[in-house]
Structure formats: C-alpha cells, structure tokens
Amino acid sequence: MSNFLAVDTSSRYLSVLAVKGEKRTLRHIPECAMKHSVILMDEVDKAFKEVDLTPRECDFFAAVTGPGSFTGIRIGVSTVKGFALAADKPMLSITSFDLIAYNVNSENFYVVIDAAHGHYYVCGYGADKSVTLEPCYMDGEKVAALGAPLYGFEDLPLNNYTRLDAGSCLYPAVCQNDSKLSREVRALYVRKSQAEEAKKC
C-alpha cells in the first residue's frame, strides 16, 4: 500500500486525501467559497497529522488537474509540485473526468462538468475506461444528443445524469491510476480562460 497525498481544488469544493499504509483520511469541504489558497495548507497539515504522515514518507503526490476553476486548478497543481520537488518524489495527474470515470461501472458513458453559460466540458469513456470522446467543450443541446449515461459531481439540469460525490471518488481514482506517475503535472484546460478570451478579442 502506497503512502500519498492527493488534493482536489478544481471546483467549489476542496478535498485533501492522505494515505499511509492502511490508514486513510479525507478532509472534504463541500463549499469553500473559492478560498482554496487560504484553506488548503491548513487542511493538508491536518490530514498529515491524522494519519501520522510526513511529506518525506509519501511515495508520490497527486492533484486533480481539471478542467474546472482555472485559479483553483493552479493552486492544487502548484502545491503538489512544491511538495514533490522538496521531497524528490513523483507526481500523479488525475483529470476531473477521470475522477468520476474510475468510479462508474457502465459500458459507454460521458463525464460532464459545468463550464457555465449553458456549456459543458465533456469526455467519453468505454467500459475499460478508454477514452471514446476526447475532452471537449459543447453546449447543452449537443450534450443532450449524446445518447448515453452522463455522470458528474455537480447538480446539473441534464436528463440521464447521475451525480457522484467528488470527495469519495478521489481515493479510487488515485489507486486505479497510480501506475502513471510522472515528474510533471500539468493543468488540463479544455478552453481558454475568460481573461484570455477577452484579451484575444
């Protein structure tokens, strides 16, 4: 059993997962009002203490890399990079899509994430978790026409949609992907931020 720290700051919630052998703790704040930068390190410290784990004892560090809140993603990614650099350990990227997909048992399905203004980030999966539709940005009408079960971690006004709990999804997603360790973690941006779009215009 690996020792690790995983953080998810990609949405309105905050999740910090610390695992040491058979000991595991999840600190999940459903609504942190986008104060990830203020709250995160305190929650990490509490999680470490609850399982008697130190950064040096971690085998790797994991972050949910998006899509989602541009600022939130950067906070989580930079935090994990800092720990990994200081401890000289590898990192694991978990996309917001994989966070949900590795907790779904279905032949073919889509993971859907709110992108605001009636649009969504979407990724399609097969039963073996192979990607059948690359991450993309589409409007509600196109999502409704996909014709397969939809899953996510938010309350969304979509038919054939099931909401999962993001906090409880973190541990299975990390454990099923821990063979994909790397020395680099990069944010997944399916589209440009509003600031970048405004600058282009």
N, C-alpha and C. Protein backbone atom coordinates (compact mmCIF):
# COMPACT_ATOMS: atom_id res chain seq x y z
N MET A 1 0.85 -1.19 0.00
CA MET A 1 0.00 0.00 0.00
C MET A 1 0.88 1.24 0.00
N SER A 2 0.64 2.15 -0.93
CA SER A 2 1.44 3.36 -1.05
C SER A 2 1.05 4.40 -0.01
N ASN A 3 2.00 5.26 0.29
CA ASN A 3 1.74 6.46 1.09
C ASN A 3 1.64 7.63 0.12
N PHE A 4 0.60 8.44 0.25
CA PHE A 4 0.50 9.56 -0.67
C PHE A 4 -0.43 10.66 -0.14
N LEU A 5 -0.29 11.82 -0.77
CA LEU A 5 -1.18 12.95 -0.54
C LEU A 5 -1.82 13.31 -1.87
N ALA A 6 -3.14 13.49 -1.88
CA ALA A 6 -3.85 13.91 -3.09
C ALA A 6 -4.73 15.11 -2.75
N VAL A 7 -4.74 16.09 -3.64
CA VAL A 7 -5.56 17.28 -3.41
C VAL A 7 -6.44 17.55 -4.64
N ASP A 8 -7.62 18.06 -4.38
CA ASP A 8 -8.54 18.45 -5.45
C ASP A 8 -9.08 19.84 -5.14
N THR A 9 -8.62 20.80 -5.92
CA THR A 9 -9.06 22.20 -5.76
C THR A 9 -9.68 22.69 -7.06
N SER A 10 -10.20 21.77 -7.86
CA SER A 10 -10.64 22.12 -9.21
C SER A 10 -12.05 22.72 -9.28
N SER A 11 -12.78 22.69 -8.16
CA SER A 11 -14.15 23.19 -8.18
C SER A 11 -14.44 23.97 -6.90
N ARG A 12 -15.73 24.16 -6.60
CA ARG A 12 -16.10 24.94 -5.41
C ARG A 12 -15.73 24.23 -4.12
N TYR A 13 -15.61 22.92 -4.18
CA TYR A 13 -15.26 22.15 -3.00
C TYR A 13 -13.74 22.06 -2.85
N LEU A 14 -13.32 21.50 -1.75
CA LEU A 14 -11.90 21.22 -1.51
C LEU A 14 -11.79 19.83 -0.93
N SER A 15 -10.92 19.00 -1.52
CA SER A 15 -10.67 17.66 -0.99
C SER A 15 -9.19 17.47 -0.77
N VAL A 16 -8.84 16.94 0.41
CA VAL A 16 -7.46 16.60 0.73
C VAL A 16 -7.47 15.18 1.26
N LEU A 17 -6.74 14.29 0.59
CA LEU A 17 -6.69 12.88 0.96
C LEU A 17 -5.27 12.49 1.33
N ALA A 18 -5.08 11.94 2.52
CA ALA A 18 -3.78 11.45 2.96
C ALA A 18 -3.89 9.97 3.28
N VAL A 19 -2.95 9.19 2.74
CA VAL A 19 -2.96 7.75 2.95
C VAL A 19 -1.58 7.30 3.41
N LYS A 20 -1.57 6.52 4.50
CA LYS A 20 -0.34 5.91 4.99
C LYS A 20 -0.63 4.45 5.30
N GLY A 21 -0.19 3.57 4.41
CA GLY A 21 -0.49 2.16 4.60
C GLY A 21 -1.99 1.92 4.62
N GLU A 22 -2.46 1.34 5.71
CA GLU A 22 -3.89 1.07 5.85
C GLU A 22 -4.67 2.26 6.42
N LYS A 23 -3.95 3.28 6.83
CA LYS A 23 -4.60 4.46 7.41
C LYS A 23 -4.94 5.46 6.30
N ARG A 24 -6.14 6.02 6.39
CA ARG A 24 -6.59 6.94 5.35
C ARG A 24 -7.50 8.00 5.96
N THR A 25 -7.32 9.24 5.53
CA THR A 25 -8.22 10.30 5.97
C THR A 25 -8.56 11.20 4.80
N LEU A 26 -9.80 11.61 4.74
CA LEU A 26 -10.26 12.54 3.71
C LEU A 26 -10.83 13.77 4.40
N ARG A 27 -10.30 14.91 4.06
CA ARG A 27 -10.84 16.17 4.54
C ARG A 27 -11.52 16.83 3.34
N HIS A 28 -12.84 16.92 3.42
CA HIS A 28 -13.63 17.41 2.29
C HIS A 28 -14.52 18.56 2.74
N ILE A 29 -14.36 19.69 2.09
CA ILE A 29 -15.21 20.86 2.36
C ILE A 29 -16.09 21.07 1.13
N PRO A 30 -17.39 20.82 1.23
CA PRO A 30 -18.27 20.89 0.06
C PRO A 30 -18.31 22.27 -0.60
N GLU A 31 -18.17 23.32 0.19
CA GLU A 31 -18.23 24.68 -0.34
C GLU A 31 -17.21 25.53 0.40
N CYS A 32 -16.12 25.83 -0.27
CA CYS A 32 -15.10 26.66 0.39
C CYS A 32 -15.05 28.05 -0.20
N ALA A 33 -16.09 28.42 -0.96
CA ALA A 33 -16.24 29.79 -1.46
C ALA A 33 -15.01 30.26 -2.23
N MET A 34 -14.38 29.33 -2.94
CA MET A 34 -13.21 29.64 -3.76
C MET A 34 -12.06 30.23 -2.96
N LYS A 35 -11.94 29.78 -1.71
CA LYS A 35 -10.82 30.23 -0.86
C LYS A 35 -9.78 29.12 -0.71
N HIS A 36 -9.54 28.41 -1.78
CA HIS A 36 -8.61 27.29 -1.73
C HIS A 36 -7.23 27.70 -1.23
N SER A 37 -6.76 28.84 -1.69
CA SER A 37 -5.40 29.27 -1.32
C SER A 37 -5.29 29.57 0.16
N VAL A 38 -6.39 29.95 0.79
CA VAL A 38 -6.39 30.28 2.22
C VAL A 38 -6.52 29.02 3.07
N ILE A 39 -7.31 28.07 2.61
CA ILE A 39 -7.68 26.89 3.40
C ILE A 39 -6.77 25.69 3.18
N LEU A 40 -6.24 25.55 1.97
CA LEU A 40 -5.60 24.30 1.56
C LEU A 40 -4.51 23.82 2.49
N MET A 41 -3.53 24.64 2.81
CA MET A 41 -2.38 24.17 3.58
C MET A 41 -2.76 23.75 4.99
N ASP A 42 -3.73 24.42 5.59
CA ASP A 42 -4.21 24.00 6.92
C ASP A 42 -4.84 22.61 6.83
N GLU A 43 -5.61 22.37 5.78
CA GLU A 43 -6.25 21.06 5.61
C GLU A 43 -5.22 19.98 5.32
N VAL A 44 -4.20 20.31 4.56
CA VAL A 44 -3.11 19.35 4.30
C VAL A 44 -2.41 18.99 5.60
N ASP A 45 -2.11 19.99 6.41
CA ASP A 45 -1.43 19.75 7.68
C ASP A 45 -2.28 18.86 8.59
N LYS A 46 -3.59 19.12 8.65
CA LYS A 46 -4.47 18.31 9.48
C LYS A 46 -4.53 16.87 8.96
N ALA A 47 -4.58 16.71 7.65
CA ALA A 47 -4.65 15.37 7.06
C ALA A 47 -3.37 14.59 7.36
N PHE A 48 -2.22 15.23 7.20
CA PHE A 48 -0.95 14.57 7.53
C PHE A 48 -0.94 14.08 8.98
N LYS A 49 -1.37 14.95 9.88
CA LYS A 49 -1.36 14.61 11.30
C LYS A 49 -2.33 13.48 11.62
N GLU A 50 -3.47 13.44 10.96
CA GLU A 50 -4.48 12.43 11.26
C GLU A 50 -4.02 11.02 10.91
N VAL A 51 -3.10 10.88 9.94
CA VAL A 51 -2.60 9.55 9.59
C VAL A 51 -1.12 9.39 9.96
N ASP A 52 -0.59 10.38 10.69
CA ASP A 52 0.82 10.34 11.13
C ASP A 52 1.76 10.18 9.94
N LEU A 53 1.58 11.05 8.95
CA LEU A 53 2.35 11.00 7.71
C LEU A 53 3.13 12.30 7.52
N THR A 54 4.32 12.20 6.96
CA THR A 54 5.11 13.39 6.61
C THR A 54 5.32 13.41 5.10
N PRO A 55 5.61 14.58 4.53
CA PRO A 55 5.86 14.64 3.08
C PRO A 55 6.98 13.72 2.64
N ARG A 56 8.03 13.57 3.43
CA ARG A 56 9.16 12.70 3.07
C ARG A 56 8.75 11.23 2.99
N GLU A 57 7.70 10.86 3.74
CA GLU A 57 7.24 9.46 3.73
C GLU A 57 6.33 9.16 2.55
N CYS A 58 5.88 10.18 1.84
CA CYS A 58 4.98 9.96 0.71
C CYS A 58 5.73 9.33 -0.46
N ASP A 59 5.10 8.37 -1.11
CA ASP A 59 5.67 7.76 -2.31
C ASP A 59 5.41 8.64 -3.54
N PHE A 60 4.32 9.41 -3.49
CA PHE A 60 4.01 10.34 -4.57
C PHE A 60 2.98 11.35 -4.09
N PHE A 61 2.76 12.36 -4.90
CA PHE A 61 1.77 13.39 -4.62
C PHE A 61 0.85 13.52 -5.84
N ALA A 62 -0.45 13.67 -5.60
CA ALA A 62 -1.42 13.70 -6.70
C ALA A 62 -2.27 14.96 -6.65
N ALA A 63 -2.65 15.43 -7.84
CA ALA A 63 -3.53 16.59 -7.94
C ALA A 63 -4.56 16.36 -9.03
N VAL A 64 -5.77 16.83 -8.80
CA VAL A 64 -6.79 16.85 -9.84
C VAL A 64 -6.50 18.07 -10.71
N THR A 65 -6.31 17.84 -12.00
CA THR A 65 -5.75 18.86 -12.88
C THR A 65 -6.77 19.55 -13.78
N GLY A 66 -8.06 19.29 -13.56
CA GLY A 66 -9.07 19.98 -14.35
C GLY A 66 -9.66 19.09 -15.43
N PRO A 67 -10.58 19.67 -16.20
CA PRO A 67 -10.97 21.08 -16.21
C PRO A 67 -11.82 21.47 -15.00
N GLY A 68 -11.94 22.79 -14.83
CA GLY A 68 -12.68 23.33 -13.71
C GLY A 68 -12.29 24.78 -13.49
N SER A 69 -12.19 25.17 -12.25
CA SER A 69 -11.79 26.53 -11.91
C SER A 69 -10.33 26.76 -12.29
N PHE A 70 -10.07 27.72 -13.14
CA PHE A 70 -8.70 27.98 -13.59
C PHE A 70 -7.79 28.30 -12.41
N THR A 71 -8.26 29.18 -11.52
CA THR A 71 -7.44 29.55 -10.36
C THR A 71 -7.29 28.38 -9.41
N GLY A 72 -8.37 27.67 -9.14
CA GLY A 72 -8.31 26.53 -8.23
C GLY A 72 -7.35 25.46 -8.71
N ILE A 73 -7.39 25.16 -10.00
CA ILE A 73 -6.50 24.15 -10.56
C ILE A 73 -5.05 24.54 -10.35
N ARG A 74 -4.72 25.78 -10.61
CA ARG A 74 -3.34 26.25 -10.45
C ARG A 74 -2.87 26.11 -9.02
N ILE A 75 -3.76 26.37 -8.07
CA ILE A 75 -3.40 26.25 -6.65
C ILE A 75 -3.05 24.81 -6.31
N GLY A 76 -3.89 23.88 -6.72
CA GLY A 76 -3.63 22.47 -6.42
C GLY A 76 -2.38 21.95 -7.09
N VAL A 77 -2.20 22.28 -8.36
CA VAL A 77 -1.04 21.81 -9.11
C VAL A 77 0.25 22.37 -8.53
N SER A 78 0.26 23.66 -8.22
CA SER A 78 1.48 24.27 -7.67
C SER A 78 1.81 23.72 -6.29
N THR A 79 0.79 23.41 -5.50
CA THR A 79 1.02 22.84 -4.17
C THR A 79 1.67 21.46 -4.28
N VAL A 80 1.13 20.63 -5.15
CA VAL A 80 1.68 19.29 -5.34
C VAL A 80 3.10 19.36 -5.91
N LYS A 81 3.33 20.26 -6.84
CA LYS A 81 4.68 20.41 -7.39
C LYS A 81 5.67 20.82 -6.31
N GLY A 82 5.23 21.69 -5.41
CA GLY A 82 6.10 22.12 -4.33
C GLY A 82 6.49 20.97 -3.41
N PHE A 83 5.52 20.17 -3.02
CA PHE A 83 5.80 19.00 -2.17
C PHE A 83 6.71 18.01 -2.90
N ALA A 84 6.41 17.73 -4.15
CA ALA A 84 7.19 16.75 -4.91
C ALA A 84 8.63 17.20 -5.09
N LEU A 85 8.83 18.46 -5.35
CA LEU A 85 10.18 18.99 -5.53
C LEU A 85 10.96 18.91 -4.22
N ALA A 86 10.32 19.31 -3.12
CA ALA A 86 11.00 19.30 -1.83
C ALA A 86 11.34 17.88 -1.37
N ALA A 87 10.46 16.93 -1.65
CA ALA A 87 10.67 15.55 -1.20
C ALA A 87 11.33 14.67 -2.26
N ASP A 88 11.54 15.23 -3.45
CA ASP A 88 12.11 14.49 -4.58
C ASP A 88 11.30 13.23 -4.87
N LYS A 89 10.00 13.42 -5.05
CA LYS A 89 9.09 12.30 -5.32
C LYS A 89 8.30 12.57 -6.60
N PRO A 90 7.77 11.54 -7.24
CA PRO A 90 6.97 11.72 -8.46
C PRO A 90 5.57 12.23 -8.15
N MET A 91 4.86 12.55 -9.22
CA MET A 91 3.51 13.10 -9.10
C MET A 91 2.53 12.32 -9.97
N LEU A 92 1.27 12.52 -9.68
CA LEU A 92 0.20 11.86 -10.43
C LEU A 92 -0.85 12.89 -10.81
N SER A 93 -1.19 12.95 -12.09
CA SER A 93 -2.26 13.81 -12.57
C SER A 93 -3.56 13.02 -12.65
N ILE A 94 -4.61 13.54 -12.06
CA ILE A 94 -5.95 12.96 -12.17
C ILE A 94 -6.84 14.03 -12.77
N THR A 95 -7.36 13.82 -13.96
CA THR A 95 -8.25 14.82 -14.53
C THR A 95 -9.60 14.79 -13.81
N SER A 96 -10.33 15.86 -13.92
CA SER A 96 -11.67 15.89 -13.33
C SER A 96 -12.56 14.83 -13.97
N PHE A 97 -12.28 14.51 -15.23
CA PHE A 97 -13.04 13.44 -15.90
C PHE A 97 -12.71 12.08 -15.30
N ASP A 98 -11.41 11.80 -15.13
CA ASP A 98 -11.01 10.51 -14.56
C ASP A 98 -11.49 10.36 -13.12
N LEU A 99 -11.56 11.46 -12.39
CA LEU A 99 -12.05 11.44 -11.02
C LEU A 99 -13.40 10.74 -10.95
N ILE A 100 -14.26 11.03 -11.91
CA ILE A 100 -15.59 10.43 -11.96
C ILE A 100 -15.56 9.08 -12.68
N ALA A 101 -14.87 9.01 -13.81
CA ALA A 101 -14.92 7.82 -14.66
C ALA A 101 -14.49 6.56 -13.94
N TYR A 102 -13.47 6.67 -13.08
CA TYR A 102 -12.98 5.47 -12.40
C TYR A 102 -13.85 5.07 -11.20
N ASN A 103 -15.00 5.71 -11.10
CA ASN A 103 -15.99 5.34 -10.09
C ASN A 103 -17.32 4.97 -10.74
N VAL A 104 -17.29 4.73 -12.04
CA VAL A 104 -18.51 4.39 -12.80
C VAL A 104 -18.36 3.00 -13.41
N ASN A 105 -19.41 2.19 -13.29
CA ASN A 105 -19.46 0.89 -13.95
C ASN A 105 -20.53 0.95 -15.03
N SER A 106 -20.10 1.19 -16.25
CA SER A 106 -21.03 1.32 -17.36
C SER A 106 -20.30 1.00 -18.66
N GLU A 107 -21.04 0.52 -19.66
CA GLU A 107 -20.43 0.17 -20.94
C GLU A 107 -19.87 1.40 -21.65
N ASN A 108 -20.71 2.35 -21.89
CA ASN A 108 -20.31 3.60 -22.55
C ASN A 108 -21.00 4.75 -21.84
N PHE A 109 -20.24 5.78 -21.53
CA PHE A 109 -20.80 6.90 -20.79
C PHE A 109 -19.96 8.15 -21.01
N TYR A 110 -20.50 9.27 -20.51
CA TYR A 110 -19.81 10.55 -20.61
C TYR A 110 -19.72 11.19 -19.23
N VAL A 111 -18.59 11.81 -18.99
CA VAL A 111 -18.45 12.63 -17.79
C VAL A 111 -18.66 14.08 -18.21
N VAL A 112 -19.51 14.79 -17.45
CA VAL A 112 -19.91 16.15 -17.81
C VAL A 112 -19.61 17.09 -16.65
N ILE A 113 -18.97 18.21 -16.97
CA ILE A 113 -18.60 19.20 -15.96
C ILE A 113 -19.12 20.56 -16.40
N ASP A 114 -19.73 21.28 -15.50
CA ASP A 114 -20.31 22.58 -15.81
C ASP A 114 -19.22 23.56 -16.24
N ALA A 115 -19.41 24.19 -17.41
CA ALA A 115 -18.49 25.21 -17.89
C ALA A 115 -19.14 26.58 -17.91
N ALA A 116 -20.34 26.67 -17.32
CA ALA A 116 -21.11 27.92 -17.18
C ALA A 116 -21.75 28.35 -18.51
N HIS A 117 -22.77 29.17 -18.38
CA HIS A 117 -23.48 29.75 -19.53
C HIS A 117 -24.04 28.69 -20.48
N GLY A 118 -24.55 27.57 -19.90
CA GLY A 118 -25.18 26.55 -20.70
C GLY A 118 -24.23 25.67 -21.48
N HIS A 119 -22.96 25.71 -21.14
CA HIS A 119 -21.96 24.89 -21.81
C HIS A 119 -21.31 23.93 -20.82
N TYR A 120 -20.69 22.87 -21.37
CA TYR A 120 -20.12 21.82 -20.53
C TYR A 120 -18.80 21.33 -21.10
N TYR A 121 -17.96 20.86 -20.19
CA TYR A 121 -16.78 20.10 -20.58
C TYR A 121 -17.20 18.63 -20.59
N VAL A 122 -16.85 17.91 -21.64
CA VAL A 122 -17.34 16.54 -21.80
C VAL A 122 -16.19 15.62 -22.21
N CYS A 123 -16.21 14.41 -21.67
CA CYS A 123 -15.27 13.38 -22.09
C CYS A 123 -15.99 12.05 -22.09
N GLY A 124 -15.79 11.24 -23.15
CA GLY A 124 -16.48 9.96 -23.25
C GLY A 124 -15.57 8.79 -22.91
N TYR A 125 -16.15 7.74 -22.31
CA TYR A 125 -15.40 6.56 -21.88
C TYR A 125 -16.10 5.28 -22.30
N GLY A 126 -15.28 4.25 -22.53
CA GLY A 126 -15.79 2.91 -22.74
C GLY A 126 -15.76 2.14 -21.44
N ALA A 127 -16.18 0.88 -21.48
CA ALA A 127 -16.25 0.06 -20.26
C ALA A 127 -14.88 -0.14 -19.63
N ASP A 128 -13.82 -0.17 -20.45
CA ASP A 128 -12.46 -0.38 -19.93
C ASP A 128 -11.78 0.93 -19.56
N LYS A 129 -12.56 2.02 -19.53
CA LYS A 129 -12.09 3.37 -19.20
C LYS A 129 -11.21 3.98 -20.30
N SER A 130 -11.23 3.37 -21.49
CA SER A 130 -10.56 4.01 -22.63
C SER A 130 -11.39 5.21 -23.06
N VAL A 131 -10.73 6.25 -23.53
CA VAL A 131 -11.42 7.47 -23.93
C VAL A 131 -12.02 7.31 -25.32
N THR A 132 -13.34 7.47 -25.42
CA THR A 132 -14.04 7.34 -26.69
C THR A 132 -14.36 8.70 -27.30
N LEU A 133 -14.35 9.73 -26.48
CA LEU A 133 -14.52 11.11 -26.94
C LEU A 133 -13.51 11.96 -26.18
N GLU A 134 -12.59 12.56 -26.89
CA GLU A 134 -11.57 13.39 -26.25
C GLU A 134 -12.23 14.59 -25.55
N PRO A 135 -11.62 15.09 -24.49
CA PRO A 135 -12.18 16.23 -23.78
C PRO A 135 -12.54 17.37 -24.73
N CYS A 136 -13.76 17.88 -24.59
CA CYS A 136 -14.23 18.93 -25.48
C CYS A 136 -15.20 19.86 -24.74
N TYR A 137 -15.56 20.90 -25.41
CA TYR A 137 -16.43 21.95 -24.86
C TYR A 137 -17.66 22.01 -25.76
N MET A 138 -18.85 21.79 -25.20
CA MET A 138 -20.05 21.79 -26.03
C MET A 138 -21.24 22.37 -25.29
N ASP A 139 -22.25 22.78 -26.06
CA ASP A 139 -23.44 23.37 -25.45
C ASP A 139 -24.41 22.28 -24.99
N GLY A 140 -25.42 22.71 -24.24
CA GLY A 140 -26.36 21.78 -23.64
C GLY A 140 -27.10 20.92 -24.65
N GLU A 141 -27.43 21.47 -25.82
CA GLU A 141 -28.15 20.70 -26.83
C GLU A 141 -27.31 19.53 -27.33
N LYS A 142 -26.05 19.77 -27.55
CA LYS A 142 -25.17 18.69 -28.02
C LYS A 142 -24.98 17.63 -26.94
N VAL A 143 -24.89 18.07 -25.69
CA VAL A 143 -24.77 17.11 -24.59
C VAL A 143 -26.01 16.24 -24.52
N ALA A 144 -27.18 16.86 -24.66
CA ALA A 144 -28.44 16.12 -24.60
C ALA A 144 -28.56 15.09 -25.72
N ALA A 145 -27.87 15.34 -26.84
CA ALA A 145 -27.96 14.45 -28.00
C ALA A 145 -26.94 13.32 -27.96
N LEU A 146 -26.14 13.24 -26.93
CA LEU A 146 -25.10 12.22 -26.87
C LEU A 146 -25.67 10.80 -26.78
N GLY A 147 -26.80 10.67 -26.10
CA GLY A 147 -27.49 9.39 -26.08
C GLY A 147 -26.87 8.31 -25.24
N ALA A 148 -26.15 8.66 -24.21
CA ALA A 148 -25.56 7.68 -23.29
C ALA A 148 -25.61 8.26 -21.89
N PRO A 149 -25.45 7.43 -20.85
CA PRO A 149 -25.49 7.94 -19.48
C PRO A 149 -24.45 9.03 -19.25
N LEU A 150 -24.85 10.01 -18.44
CA LEU A 150 -23.98 11.13 -18.10
C LEU A 150 -23.68 11.09 -16.60
N TYR A 151 -22.44 11.40 -16.23
CA TYR A 151 -22.04 11.41 -14.82
C TYR A 151 -21.23 12.67 -14.53
N GLY A 152 -21.29 13.11 -13.28
CA GLY A 152 -20.52 14.27 -12.87
C GLY A 152 -20.57 14.42 -11.37
N PHE A 153 -20.07 15.56 -10.86
CA PHE A 153 -20.05 15.78 -9.41
C PHE A 153 -20.80 17.05 -9.01
N GLU A 154 -21.61 17.60 -9.94
CA GLU A 154 -22.36 18.82 -9.66
C GLU A 154 -23.85 18.57 -9.90
N ASP A 155 -24.69 19.48 -9.41
CA ASP A 155 -26.11 19.44 -9.74
C ASP A 155 -26.28 20.06 -11.12
N LEU A 156 -26.62 19.25 -12.11
CA LEU A 156 -26.74 19.74 -13.48
C LEU A 156 -28.12 19.43 -14.03
N PRO A 157 -28.70 20.36 -14.81
CA PRO A 157 -30.05 20.18 -15.37
C PRO A 157 -30.04 19.34 -16.63
N LEU A 158 -29.60 18.08 -16.51
CA LEU A 158 -29.47 17.22 -17.67
C LEU A 158 -30.23 15.92 -17.45
N ASN A 159 -30.85 15.41 -18.50
CA ASN A 159 -31.51 14.12 -18.43
C ASN A 159 -30.47 13.01 -18.46
N ASN A 160 -30.83 11.86 -17.89
CA ASN A 160 -29.94 10.69 -17.90
C ASN A 160 -28.62 10.98 -17.19
N TYR A 161 -28.70 11.85 -16.19
CA TYR A 161 -27.50 12.30 -15.48
C TYR A 161 -27.47 11.78 -14.04
N THR A 162 -26.30 11.33 -13.59
CA THR A 162 -26.12 10.87 -12.22
C THR A 162 -24.99 11.66 -11.57
N ARG A 163 -25.27 12.17 -10.39
CA ARG A 163 -24.25 12.92 -9.66
C ARG A 163 -23.56 12.01 -8.65
N LEU A 164 -22.22 12.02 -8.66
CA LEU A 164 -21.42 11.29 -7.69
C LEU A 164 -20.78 12.28 -6.72
N ASP A 165 -20.34 11.77 -5.57
CA ASP A 165 -19.68 12.63 -4.59
C ASP A 165 -18.20 12.72 -4.91
N ALA A 166 -17.73 13.91 -5.22
CA ALA A 166 -16.34 14.09 -5.65
C ALA A 166 -15.34 13.65 -4.58
N GLY A 167 -15.65 13.93 -3.32
CA GLY A 167 -14.73 13.57 -2.25
C GLY A 167 -14.50 12.08 -2.16
N SER A 168 -15.58 11.29 -2.21
CA SER A 168 -15.46 9.85 -2.10
C SER A 168 -14.88 9.22 -3.37
N CYS A 169 -14.87 9.97 -4.46
CA CYS A 169 -14.32 9.46 -5.72
C CYS A 169 -12.80 9.56 -5.79
N LEU A 170 -12.20 10.39 -4.96
CA LEU A 170 -10.77 10.68 -5.08
C LEU A 170 -9.89 9.46 -4.84
N TYR A 171 -10.15 8.72 -3.76
CA TYR A 171 -9.31 7.57 -3.43
C TYR A 171 -9.32 6.50 -4.52
N PRO A 172 -10.49 6.03 -5.00
CA PRO A 172 -10.49 5.02 -6.07
C PRO A 172 -9.79 5.51 -7.34
N ALA A 173 -9.99 6.78 -7.69
CA ALA A 173 -9.38 7.31 -8.91
C ALA A 173 -7.85 7.32 -8.81
N VAL A 174 -7.33 7.70 -7.64
CA VAL A 174 -5.88 7.70 -7.45
C VAL A 174 -5.34 6.27 -7.49
N CYS A 175 -5.98 5.37 -6.76
CA CYS A 175 -5.48 4.00 -6.67
C CYS A 175 -5.49 3.28 -8.00
N GLN A 176 -6.44 3.60 -8.87
CA GLN A 176 -6.51 2.92 -10.16
C GLN A 176 -5.62 3.56 -11.22
N ASN A 177 -4.95 4.65 -10.85
CA ASN A 177 -4.07 5.32 -11.80
C ASN A 177 -2.65 5.49 -11.28
N ASP A 178 -2.33 4.87 -10.13
CA ASP A 178 -1.04 5.15 -9.51
C ASP A 178 0.15 4.53 -10.24
N SER A 179 -0.11 3.86 -11.36
CA SER A 179 1.00 3.38 -12.19
C SER A 179 1.44 4.44 -13.20
N LYS A 180 0.74 5.56 -13.22
CA LYS A 180 1.01 6.61 -14.21
C LYS A 180 1.78 7.79 -13.60
N LEU A 181 2.70 7.47 -12.72
CA LEU A 181 3.46 8.52 -12.05
C LEU A 181 4.40 9.22 -13.03
N SER A 182 4.65 10.49 -12.75
CA SER A 182 5.48 11.30 -13.63
C SER A 182 6.24 12.33 -12.82
N ARG A 183 7.18 12.97 -13.44
CA ARG A 183 7.90 14.08 -12.82
C ARG A 183 7.27 15.42 -13.20
N GLU A 184 6.15 15.36 -13.91
CA GLU A 184 5.49 16.58 -14.34
C GLU A 184 3.98 16.46 -14.17
N VAL A 185 3.36 17.52 -13.71
CA VAL A 185 1.91 17.61 -13.61
C VAL A 185 1.48 18.90 -14.30
N ARG A 186 0.55 18.79 -15.22
CA ARG A 186 0.09 19.96 -15.95
C ARG A 186 -1.42 20.07 -15.88
N ALA A 187 -1.88 21.30 -15.77
CA ALA A 187 -3.32 21.56 -15.74
C ALA A 187 -3.94 21.21 -17.09
N LEU A 188 -5.17 20.69 -17.04
CA LEU A 188 -5.92 20.40 -18.26
C LEU A 188 -6.91 21.52 -18.49
N TYR A 189 -6.65 22.31 -19.52
CA TYR A 189 -7.57 23.39 -19.90
C TYR A 189 -8.20 23.02 -21.24
N VAL A 190 -9.50 22.75 -21.23
CA VAL A 190 -10.19 22.38 -22.46
C VAL A 190 -10.45 23.60 -23.32
N ARG A 191 -10.56 24.75 -22.70
CA ARG A 191 -10.71 26.01 -23.44
C ARG A 191 -9.93 27.09 -22.71
N LYS A 192 -9.80 28.25 -23.35
CA LYS A 192 -9.08 29.35 -22.74
C LYS A 192 -9.92 30.00 -21.65
N SER A 193 -9.25 30.64 -20.69
CA SER A 193 -9.96 31.34 -19.62
C SER A 193 -10.68 32.56 -20.19
N GLN A 194 -11.61 33.10 -19.42
CA GLN A 194 -12.33 34.30 -19.84
C GLN A 194 -11.36 35.45 -20.06
N ALA A 195 -10.34 35.58 -19.23
CA ALA A 195 -9.36 36.65 -19.37
C ALA A 195 -8.60 36.52 -20.67
N GLU A 196 -8.24 35.28 -21.04
CA GLU A 196 -7.51 35.05 -22.28
C GLU A 196 -8.40 35.32 -23.49
N GLU A 197 -9.67 34.91 -23.39
CA GLU A 197 -10.60 35.17 -24.49
C GLU A 197 -10.82 36.67 -24.69
N ALA A 198 -10.95 37.41 -23.56
CA ALA A 198 -11.15 38.85 -23.63
C ALA A 198 -9.94 39.54 -24.24
N LYS A 199 -8.75 39.07 -23.88
CA LYS A 199 -7.51 39.65 -24.41
C LYS A 199 -7.43 39.43 -25.92
N LYS A 200 -7.84 38.24 -26.38
CA LYS A 200 -7.81 37.93 -27.80
C LYS A 200 -8.75 38.83 -28.58
N CYS A 201 -9.92 39.13 -27.97
CA CYS A 201 -10.90 39.99 -28.64
C CYS A 201 -10.43 41.45 -28.68
